[in-house]
Amino acid sequence: MPAEKKSIKNQDPPAEAPQGKVKFEVYGEEMIEKEVRLSGNSGRVYLPPDWVNHRVKIIRID
């Protein structure tokens, strides 16, 4: 009969999310800073039409 397998799971509690601000380092082609406007039950940011079909990353800064 095989010996019991030891669990290799980490017994430490999961790391908590950082409180306050964090630093991101992002490389890209260009950047635009805008304010999100209310749009129904959501928010909206308009971007230039030449950005259509390109990937973007949105980072909330405040």
PDB file of N, CA and C in Angstrom:
ATOM      1  N   MET A   1       0.845  -1.181   0.000  1.00  0.00           N
ATOM      2  CA  MET A   1       0.000   0.000   0.000  1.00  0.00           C
ATOM      3  C   MET A   1       0.887   1.240   0.000  1.00  0.00           C
ATOM      4  N   PRO A   2       0.671   2.211  -0.905  1.00  0.00           N
ATOM      5  CA  PRO A   2       1.558   3.386  -0.962  1.00  0.00           C
ATOM      6  C   PRO A   2       1.427   4.254   0.281  1.00  0.00           C
ATOM      7  N   ALA A   3       2.540   4.909   0.613  1.00  0.00           N
ATOM      8  CA  ALA A   3       2.543   5.822   1.762  1.00  0.00           C
ATOM      9  C   ALA A   3       1.693   7.040   1.446  1.00  0.00           C
ATOM     10  N   GLU A   4       1.174   7.676   2.486  1.00  0.00           N
ATOM     11  CA  GLU A   4       0.360   8.878   2.281  1.00  0.00           C
ATOM     12  C   GLU A   4       1.182   9.963   1.614  1.00  0.00           C
ATOM     13  N   LYS A   5       0.566  10.651   0.658  1.00  0.00           N
ATOM     14  CA  LYS A   5       1.243  11.757  -0.012  1.00  0.00           C
ATOM     15  C   LYS A   5       1.100  13.003   0.835  1.00  0.00           C
ATOM     16  N   LYS A   6       2.190  13.724   0.980  1.00  0.00           N
ATOM     17  CA  LYS A   6       2.135  14.977   1.731  1.00  0.00           C
ATOM     18  C   LYS A   6       1.591  16.076   0.832  1.00  0.00           C
ATOM     19  N   SER A   7       0.783  16.921   1.398  1.00  0.00           N
ATOM     20  CA  SER A   7       0.224  18.039   0.647  1.00  0.00           C
ATOM     21  C   SER A   7       1.330  19.035   0.356  1.00  0.00           C
ATOM     22  N   ILE A   8       1.420  19.468  -0.895  1.00  0.00           N
ATOM     23  CA  ILE A   8       2.422  20.465  -1.258  1.00  0.00           C
ATOM     24  C   ILE A   8       1.820  21.863  -1.316  1.00  0.00           C
ATOM     25  N   LYS A   9       0.559  21.980  -0.897  1.00  0.00           N
ATOM     26  CA  LYS A   9      -0.090  23.287  -0.891  1.00  0.00           C
ATOM     27  C   LYS A   9       0.563  24.180   0.137  1.00  0.00           C
ATOM     28  N   ASN A  10       0.660  25.433  -0.182  1.00  0.00           N
ATOM     29  CA  ASN A  10       1.207  26.421   0.748  1.00  0.00           C
ATOM     30  C   ASN A  10       0.200  26.638   1.867  1.00  0.00           C
ATOM     31  N   GLN A  11       0.626  26.506   3.086  1.00  0.00           N
ATOM     32  CA  GLN A  11      -0.266  26.651   4.230  1.00  0.00           C
ATOM     33  C   GLN A  11      -0.422  28.103   4.676  1.00  0.00           C
ATOM     34  N   ASP A  12       0.342  29.019   4.102  1.00  0.00           N
ATOM     35  CA  ASP A  12       0.242  30.428   4.464  1.00  0.00           C
ATOM     36  C   ASP A  12      -1.067  30.999   3.931  1.00  0.00           C
ATOM     37  N   PRO A  13      -1.665  31.966   4.652  1.00  0.00           N
ATOM     38  CA  PRO A  13      -2.880  32.597   4.128  1.00  0.00           C
ATOM     39  C   PRO A  13      -2.555  33.387   2.865  1.00  0.00           C
ATOM     40  N   PRO A  14      -3.537  33.582   1.977  1.00  0.00           N
ATOM     41  CA  PRO A  14      -3.271  34.334   0.749  1.00  0.00           C
ATOM     42  C   PRO A  14      -2.850  35.764   1.064  1.00  0.00           C
ATOM     43  N   ALA A  15      -1.959  36.290   0.228  1.00  0.00           N
ATOM     44  CA  ALA A  15      -1.479  37.666   0.420  1.00  0.00           C
ATOM     45  C   ALA A  15      -2.628  38.639   0.231  1.00  0.00           C
ATOM     46  N   GLU A  16      -2.701  39.631   1.073  1.00  0.00           N
ATOM     47  CA  GLU A  16      -3.754  40.634   0.964  1.00  0.00           C
ATOM     48  C   GLU A  16      -3.400  41.637  -0.118  1.00  0.00           C
ATOM     49  N   ALA A  17      -4.416  42.231  -0.702  1.00  0.00           N
ATOM     50  CA  ALA A  17      -4.196  43.262  -1.714  1.00  0.00           C
ATOM     51  C   ALA A  17      -3.548  44.470  -1.053  1.00  0.00           C
ATOM     52  N   PRO A  18      -2.607  45.118  -1.746  1.00  0.00           N
ATOM     53  CA  PRO A  18      -1.959  46.289  -1.161  1.00  0.00           C
ATOM     54  C   PRO A  18      -2.959  47.402  -0.874  1.00  0.00           C
ATOM     55  N   GLN A  19      -2.752  48.091   0.202  1.00  0.00           N
ATOM     56  CA  GLN A  19      -3.613  49.214   0.557  1.00  0.00           C
ATOM     57  C   GLN A  19      -3.011  50.486  -0.046  1.00  0.00           C
ATOM     58  N   GLY A  20      -3.847  51.371  -0.539  1.00  0.00           N
ATOM     59  CA  GLY A  20      -3.356  52.622  -1.108  1.00  0.00           C
ATOM     60  C   GLY A  20      -2.945  52.449  -2.563  1.00  0.00           C
ATOM     61  N   LYS A  21      -1.984  53.252  -2.962  1.00  0.00           N
ATOM     62  CA  LYS A  21      -1.554  53.259  -4.360  1.00  0.00           C
ATOM     63  C   LYS A  21      -0.471  52.226  -4.610  1.00  0.00           C
ATOM     64  N   VAL A  22      -0.419  51.737  -5.845  1.00  0.00           N
ATOM     65  CA  VAL A  22       0.619  50.818  -6.286  1.00  0.00           C
ATOM     66  C   VAL A  22       1.258  51.390  -7.543  1.00  0.00           C
ATOM     67  N   LYS A  23       2.414  50.902  -7.888  1.00  0.00           N
ATOM     68  CA  LYS A  23       3.137  51.409  -9.056  1.00  0.00           C
ATOM     69  C   LYS A  23       3.005  50.413 -10.204  1.00  0.00           C
ATOM     70  N   PHE A  24       2.675  50.927 -11.403  1.00  0.00           N
ATOM     71  CA  PHE A  24       2.620  50.129 -12.617  1.00  0.00           C
ATOM     72  C   PHE A  24       3.655  50.671 -13.582  1.00  0.00           C
ATOM     73  N   GLU A  25       4.318  49.785 -14.276  1.00  0.00           N
ATOM     74  CA  GLU A  25       5.244  50.199 -15.336  1.00  0.00           C
ATOM     75  C   GLU A  25       4.692  49.620 -16.630  1.00  0.00           C
ATOM     76  N   VAL A  26       4.320  50.510 -17.560  1.00  0.00           N
ATOM     77  CA  VAL A  26       3.662  50.089 -18.793  1.00  0.00           C
ATOM     78  C   VAL A  26       4.421  50.660 -19.975  1.00  0.00           C
ATOM     79  N   TYR A  27       4.643  49.835 -20.975  1.00  0.00           N
ATOM     80  CA  TYR A  27       5.288  50.276 -22.206  1.00  0.00           C
ATOM     81  C   TYR A  27       4.240  50.325 -23.302  1.00  0.00           C
ATOM     82  N   GLY A  28       4.237  51.371 -24.099  1.00  0.00           N
ATOM     83  CA  GLY A  28       3.237  51.487 -25.149  1.00  0.00           C
ATOM     84  C   GLY A  28       3.637  52.489 -26.206  1.00  0.00           C
ATOM     85  N   GLU A  29       2.694  52.806 -27.044  1.00  0.00           N
ATOM     86  CA  GLU A  29       2.925  53.706 -28.172  1.00  0.00           C
ATOM     87  C   GLU A  29       2.615  55.159 -27.840  1.00  0.00           C
ATOM     88  N   GLU A  30       1.510  55.402 -27.151  1.00  0.00           N
ATOM     89  CA  GLU A  30       1.138  56.757 -26.766  1.00  0.00           C
ATOM     90  C   GLU A  30       0.177  56.699 -25.591  1.00  0.00           C
ATOM     91  N   MET A  31      -0.015  57.825 -24.925  1.00  0.00           N
ATOM     92  CA  MET A  31      -0.858  57.868 -23.753  1.00  0.00           C
ATOM     93  C   MET A  31      -1.747  59.095 -23.806  1.00  0.00           C
ATOM     94  N   ILE A  32      -2.979  58.945 -23.351  1.00  0.00           N
ATOM     95  CA  ILE A  32      -3.922  60.053 -23.228  1.00  0.00           C
ATOM     96  C   ILE A  32      -4.487  59.994 -21.814  1.00  0.00           C
ATOM     97  N   GLU A  33      -4.551  61.122 -21.140  1.00  0.00           N
ATOM     98  CA  GLU A  33      -5.161  61.160 -19.820  1.00  0.00           C
ATOM     99  C   GLU A  33      -6.505  61.853 -19.943  1.00  0.00           C
ATOM    100  N   LYS A  34      -7.574  61.167 -19.513  1.00  0.00           N
ATOM    101  CA  LYS A  34      -8.928  61.700 -19.624  1.00  0.00           C
ATOM    102  C   LYS A  34      -9.694  61.402 -18.359  1.00  0.00           C
ATOM    103  N   GLU A  35     -10.831  62.080 -18.201  1.00  0.00           N
ATOM    104  CA  GLU A  35     -11.733  61.826 -17.083  1.00  0.00           C
ATOM    105  C   GLU A  35     -12.879  60.959 -17.571  1.00  0.00           C
ATOM    106  N   VAL A  36     -13.236  59.966 -16.785  1.00  0.00           N
ATOM    107  CA  VAL A  36     -14.358  59.093 -17.135  1.00  0.00           C
ATOM    108  C   VAL A  36     -15.649  59.852 -16.879  1.00  0.00           C
ATOM    109  N   ARG A  37     -16.559  59.815 -17.841  1.00  0.00           N
ATOM    110  CA  ARG A  37     -17.845  60.506 -17.737  1.00  0.00           C
ATOM    111  C   ARG A  37     -18.958  59.495 -17.503  1.00  0.00           C
ATOM    112  N   LEU A  38     -20.010  59.927 -16.827  1.00  0.00           N
ATOM    113  CA  LEU A  38     -21.162  59.083 -16.564  1.00  0.00           C
ATOM    114  C   LEU A  38     -21.885  58.779 -17.873  1.00  0.00           C
ATOM    115  N   SER A  39     -22.297  57.516 -18.018  1.00  0.00           N
ATOM    116  CA  SER A  39     -23.039  57.094 -19.201  1.00  0.00           C
ATOM    117  C   SER A  39     -24.042  56.039 -18.763  1.00  0.00           C
ATOM    118  N   GLY A  40     -25.241  56.468 -18.385  1.00  0.00           N
ATOM    119  CA  GLY A  40     -26.240  55.546 -17.860  1.00  0.00           C
ATOM    120  C   GLY A  40     -25.809  55.032 -16.495  1.00  0.00           C
ATOM    121  N   ASN A  41     -25.699  53.727 -16.352  1.00  0.00           N
ATOM    122  CA  ASN A  41     -25.255  53.109 -15.107  1.00  0.00           C
ATOM    123  C   ASN A  41     -23.776  52.745 -15.156  1.00  0.00           C
ATOM    124  N   SER A  42     -23.034  53.354 -16.056  1.00  0.00           N
ATOM    125  CA  SER A  42     -21.638  52.995 -16.268  1.00  0.00           C
ATOM    126  C   SER A  42     -20.803  54.241 -16.509  1.00  0.00           C
ATOM    127  N   GLY A  43     -19.548  54.065 -16.796  1.00  0.00           N
ATOM    128  CA  GLY A  43     -18.672  55.177 -17.147  1.00  0.00           C
ATOM    129  C   GLY A  43     -18.186  55.012 -18.573  1.00  0.00           C
ATOM    130  N   ARG A  44     -17.758  56.117 -19.169  1.00  0.00           N
ATOM    131  CA  ARG A  44     -17.330  56.077 -20.567  1.00  0.00           C
ATOM    132  C   ARG A  44     -16.131  56.984 -20.770  1.00  0.00           C
ATOM    133  N   VAL A  45     -15.205  56.535 -21.608  1.00  0.00           N
ATOM    134  CA  VAL A  45     -14.061  57.338 -22.034  1.00  0.00           C
ATOM    135  C   VAL A  45     -14.008  57.250 -23.549  1.00  0.00           C
ATOM    136  N   TYR A  46     -13.976  58.377 -24.213  1.00  0.00           N
ATOM    137  CA  TYR A  46     -13.852  58.389 -25.663  1.00  0.00           C
ATOM    138  C   TYR A  46     -12.376  58.422 -26.034  1.00  0.00           C
ATOM    139  N   LEU A  47     -12.008  57.590 -26.991  1.00  0.00           N
ATOM    140  CA  LEU A  47     -10.631  57.517 -27.469  1.00  0.00           C
ATOM    141  C   LEU A  47     -10.591  57.864 -28.951  1.00  0.00           C
ATOM    142  N   PRO A  48      -9.415  58.219 -29.454  1.00  0.00           N
ATOM    143  CA  PRO A  48      -9.323  58.596 -30.869  1.00  0.00           C
ATOM    144  C   PRO A  48      -9.737  57.441 -31.791  1.00  0.00           C
ATOM    145  N   PRO A  49     -10.345  57.772 -32.930  1.00  0.00           N
ATOM    146  CA  PRO A  49     -10.808  56.713 -33.837  1.00  0.00           C
ATOM    147  C   PRO A  49      -9.676  55.853 -34.391  1.00  0.00           C
ATOM    148  N   ASP A  50      -8.469  56.381 -34.464  1.00  0.00           N
ATOM    149  CA  ASP A  50      -7.367  55.557 -34.975  1.00  0.00           C
ATOM    150  C   ASP A  50      -6.906  54.512 -33.950  1.00  0.00           C
ATOM    151  N   TRP A  51      -7.464  54.542 -32.740  1.00  0.00           N
ATOM    152  CA  TRP A  51      -7.164  53.519 -31.727  1.00  0.00           C
ATOM    153  C   TRP A  51      -8.098  52.313 -31.861  1.00  0.00           C
ATOM    154  N   VAL A  52      -9.132  52.421 -32.702  1.00  0.00           N
ATOM    155  CA  VAL A  52     -10.073  51.321 -32.897  1.00  0.00           C
ATOM    156  C   VAL A  52      -9.308  50.104 -33.416  1.00  0.00           C
ATOM    157  N   ASN A  53      -9.666  48.922 -32.898  1.00  0.00           N
ATOM    158  CA  ASN A  53      -9.035  47.642 -33.241  1.00  0.00           C
ATOM    159  C   ASN A  53      -7.614  47.508 -32.722  1.00  0.00           C
ATOM    160  N   HIS A  54      -7.242  48.347 -31.750  1.00  0.00           N
ATOM    161  CA  HIS A  54      -5.954  48.221 -31.073  1.00  0.00           C
ATOM    162  C   HIS A  54      -6.201  47.863 -29.618  1.00  0.00           C
ATOM    163  N   ARG A  55      -5.234  47.242 -28.986  1.00  0.00           N
ATOM    164  CA  ARG A  55      -5.355  46.898 -27.572  1.00  0.00           C
ATOM    165  C   ARG A  55      -4.965  48.093 -26.723  1.00  0.00           C
ATOM    166  N   VAL A  56      -5.705  48.327 -25.647  1.00  0.00           N
ATOM    167  CA  VAL A  56      -5.408  49.421 -24.720  1.00  0.00           C
ATOM    168  C   VAL A  56      -5.435  48.873 -23.300  1.00  0.00           C
ATOM    169  N   LYS A  57      -4.816  49.599 -22.372  1.00  0.00           N
ATOM    170  CA  LYS A  57      -4.858  49.278 -20.956  1.00  0.00           C
ATOM    171  C   LYS A  57      -5.328  50.515 -20.226  1.00  0.00           C
ATOM    172  N   ILE A  58      -6.248  50.344 -19.318  1.00  0.00           N
ATOM    173  CA  ILE A  58      -6.813  51.464 -18.557  1.00  0.00           C
ATOM    174  C   ILE A  58      -6.365  51.314 -17.100  1.00  0.00           C
ATOM    175  N   ILE A  59      -5.765  52.369 -16.549  1.00  0.00           N
ATOM    176  CA  ILE A  59      -5.311  52.358 -15.165  1.00  0.00           C
ATOM    177  C   ILE A  59      -5.965  53.537 -14.455  1.00  0.00           C
ATOM    178  N   ARG A  60      -6.698  53.257 -13.376  1.00  0.00           N
ATOM    179  CA  ARG A  60      -7.312  54.334 -12.596  1.00  0.00           C
ATOM    180  C   ARG A  60      -6.221  54.957 -11.727  1.00  0.00           C
ATOM    181  N   ILE A  61      -6.059  56.280 -11.825  1.00  0.00           N
ATOM    182  CA  ILE A  61      -4.953  56.940 -11.114  1.00  0.00           C
ATOM    183  C   ILE A  61      -5.409  57.714  -9.889  1.00  0.00           C
ATOM    184  N   ASP A  62      -6.693  57.819  -9.632  1.00  0.00           N
ATOM    185  CA  ASP A  62      -7.148  58.461  -8.378  1.00  0.00           C
ATOM    186  C   ASP A  62      -8.444  57.850  -7.906  1.00  0.00           C
TER     187      ASP A  62
END
